[in-house]
Amino acid sequence: MPHIELTPAERKAHRAEAHHLDPVVMIGGDGLTPAVMKETDAALNAHGLIKIRVHGDDRAAREAIYQQLADELNAAPIQHIGKLLVLWRPQPKKARAEDEDRMAGPKDVKVLKYSKRGGQRPQVRVVRVLGNQRLTPGGKLKKAAPKQKSVKKNRT
């Protein structure tokens, strides 16, 4: 498969994004093995833009690895500086589960109330916290403030 072609402006933007990234794949003395290809493919699926470090002194071998990765993984070669290679491939869309649209349900939370006198066991209460409530550090429930209504809209 041929690698993805990018415009110079797109390549520049990806180089800027990759500047602060750490290498996620390391290629050792064995070179480009099937395990390294698999890991690189998984990293591209997870991150989209990745840095690869090649532990080898031969520049021609690093360039060959760079081109082979780009061709076989259908990725765009972004940058090759020294022993660092940068590749980009658009991330695939994640399949959504049917339950993802649901909101969080009520939670049962244990609240411990410690005695002012030492040596006594704390009182344990189980409190049900609903979606519009929160638990304060003191162990009390607070409901969400009602949405403010416009005074101007009510005049009509």
Protein backbone atom coordinates (compact mmCIF):
# COMPACT_ATOMS: atom_id res chain seq x y z
CA MET A 1 0.00 0.00 0.00
CA PRO A 2 1.33 3.46 -0.79
CA HIS A 3 1.70 5.84 2.11
CA ILE A 4 -0.56 8.86 2.63
CA GLU A 5 0.48 12.05 0.85
CA LEU A 6 0.22 15.29 2.85
CA THR A 7 0.60 18.92 1.88
CA PRO A 8 3.56 20.79 3.34
CA ALA A 9 1.23 22.77 5.62
CA GLU A 10 -0.34 19.58 7.02
CA ARG A 11 3.10 18.04 7.53
CA LYS A 12 4.25 21.20 9.34
CA ALA A 13 1.23 21.08 11.66
CA HIS A 14 1.88 17.40 12.49
CA ARG A 15 5.56 18.12 13.14
CA ALA A 16 4.54 20.83 15.61
CA GLU A 17 2.13 18.42 17.39
CA ALA A 18 4.79 15.69 17.55
CA HIS A 19 7.43 17.95 19.09
CA HIS A 20 6.37 17.24 22.68
CA LEU A 21 5.66 13.51 22.19
CA ASP A 22 7.84 10.76 23.60
CA PRO A 23 8.73 7.72 21.48
CA VAL A 24 6.15 4.94 21.90
CA VAL A 25 7.92 2.31 19.77
CA MET A 26 11.59 1.35 20.02
CA ILE A 27 13.34 -0.55 17.23
CA GLY A 28 16.35 -2.45 18.50
CA GLY A 29 19.26 -4.22 16.86
CA ASP A 30 17.06 -6.87 15.21
CA GLY A 31 15.52 -4.19 13.02
CA LEU A 32 11.98 -4.28 11.73
CA THR A 33 10.47 -7.54 13.01
CA PRO A 34 6.80 -8.59 12.70
CA ALA A 35 6.34 -7.83 16.42
CA VAL A 36 7.61 -4.26 15.90
CA MET A 37 5.25 -3.84 12.92
CA LYS A 38 2.33 -5.05 15.03
CA GLU A 39 3.16 -2.69 17.89
CA THR A 40 3.59 0.24 15.52
CA ASP A 41 0.22 -0.51 13.93
CA ALA A 42 -1.44 -0.70 17.36
CA ALA A 43 0.20 2.59 18.41
CA LEU A 44 -1.00 4.31 15.22
CA ASN A 45 -4.54 3.05 15.86
CA ALA A 46 -4.43 4.30 19.45
CA HIS A 47 -2.66 7.65 19.00
CA GLY A 48 -2.63 8.56 15.32
CA LEU A 49 0.64 10.50 15.58
CA ILE A 50 3.62 8.61 17.01
CA LYS A 51 7.36 8.88 17.45
CA ILE A 52 9.61 5.86 16.90
CA ARG A 53 13.20 5.57 18.14
CA VAL A 54 15.61 3.43 16.11
CA HIS A 55 18.65 2.15 18.03
CA GLY A 56 21.04 1.81 15.12
CA ASP A 57 23.84 3.94 13.72
CA ASP A 58 23.29 3.23 10.01
CA ARG A 59 21.38 6.16 8.48
CA ALA A 60 20.53 4.26 5.29
CA ALA A 61 18.98 1.43 7.36
CA ARG A 62 16.93 3.95 9.36
CA GLU A 63 15.70 5.56 6.13
CA ALA A 64 14.74 2.12 4.76
CA ILE A 65 12.86 1.30 8.00
CA TYR A 66 11.09 4.67 7.80
CA GLN A 67 9.91 4.11 4.23
CA GLN A 68 8.93 0.48 4.89
CA LEU A 69 6.83 1.45 7.93
CA ALA A 70 5.09 4.20 5.98
CA ASP A 71 4.33 1.92 3.01
CA GLU A 72 3.23 -1.22 4.88
CA LEU A 73 1.14 0.55 7.53
CA ASN A 74 -0.40 3.09 5.11
CA ALA A 75 0.93 5.98 7.21
CA ALA A 76 2.26 9.39 6.27
CA PRO A 77 5.97 9.96 6.94
CA ILE A 78 6.16 13.25 8.85
CA GLN A 79 9.75 13.66 9.98
CA HIS A 80 13.07 11.80 10.25
CA ILE A 81 15.62 13.49 12.47
CA GLY A 82 18.55 11.43 13.68
CA LYS A 83 17.25 8.29 15.33
CA LEU A 84 13.67 9.58 15.69
CA LEU A 85 10.96 8.84 13.14
CA VAL A 86 7.51 10.45 13.18
CA LEU A 87 4.52 8.78 11.49
CA TRP A 88 0.88 9.83 11.23
CA ARG A 89 -2.25 7.97 10.22
CA PRO A 90 -5.86 9.06 10.80
CA GLN A 91 -7.38 7.23 13.74
CA PRO A 92 -10.24 4.83 12.92
CA LYS A 93 -13.68 5.66 14.26
CA LYS A 94 -14.45 3.82 17.48
CA ALA A 95 -17.54 1.65 17.57
CA ARG A 96 -20.02 3.04 20.08
CA ALA A 97 -21.75 0.74 22.49
CA GLU A 98 -25.52 1.03 22.67
CA ASP A 99 -25.38 2.02 26.35
CA GLU A 100 -22.99 4.97 25.90
CA ASP A 101 -25.78 7.55 25.70
CA ARG A 102 -27.11 6.68 29.13
CA MET A 103 -26.43 8.97 32.05
CA ALA A 104 -24.94 7.85 35.36
CA GLY A 105 -27.41 6.29 37.75
CA PRO A 106 -27.71 6.78 41.48
CA LYS A 107 -24.67 5.81 43.58
CA ASP A 108 -24.64 4.53 47.12
CA VAL A 109 -21.85 6.22 49.08
CA LYS A 110 -20.68 5.44 52.61
CA VAL A 111 -20.30 8.52 54.80
CA LEU A 112 -18.15 8.25 57.91
CA LYS A 113 -18.81 10.68 60.76
CA TYR A 114 -16.00 10.67 63.29
CA SER A 115 -16.58 11.40 66.97
CA LYS A 116 -15.05 14.47 68.57
CA ARG A 117 -13.70 12.22 71.27
CA GLY A 118 -10.93 9.91 70.18
CA GLY A 119 -11.09 6.13 70.46
CA GLN A 120 -14.71 5.71 69.36
CA ARG A 121 -15.82 4.11 66.14
CA PRO A 122 -17.12 6.43 63.44
CA GLN A 123 -20.80 6.41 62.54
CA VAL A 124 -21.38 4.88 59.11
CA ARG A 125 -24.27 6.08 56.93
CA VAL A 126 -25.06 4.93 53.42
CA VAL A 127 -26.32 7.82 51.29
CA ARG A 128 -27.81 7.52 47.81
CA VAL A 129 -26.46 10.26 45.52
CA LEU A 130 -28.58 11.02 42.46
CA GLY A 131 -27.42 12.58 39.21
CA ASN A 132 -28.26 16.17 40.19
CA GLN A 133 -26.73 15.92 43.67
CA ARG A 134 -23.25 16.03 45.09
CA LEU A 135 -21.73 15.08 48.43
CA THR A 136 -20.00 17.83 50.43
CA PRO A 137 -16.83 17.14 52.44
CA GLY A 138 -19.00 17.31 55.58
CA GLY A 139 -21.10 14.37 54.34
CA LYS A 140 -24.21 16.36 53.40
CA LEU A 141 -26.11 16.17 50.12
CA LYS A 142 -26.38 19.27 47.98
CA LYS A 143 -28.78 19.49 45.08
CA ALA A 144 -27.87 21.32 41.92
CA ALA A 145 -29.01 24.92 41.88
CA PRO A 146 -32.08 25.46 39.71
CA LYS A 147 -31.43 27.07 36.37
CA GLN A 148 -32.03 30.81 36.56
CA LYS A 149 -34.91 32.10 34.51
CA SER A 150 -34.76 35.31 32.59
CA VAL A 151 -36.82 38.15 34.06
CA LYS A 152 -37.25 39.73 30.61
CA LYS A 153 -38.71 36.58 29.06
CA ASN A 154 -41.37 36.27 31.79
CA ARG A 155 -42.74 39.80 31.14
CA THR A 156 -44.38 38.98 27.81
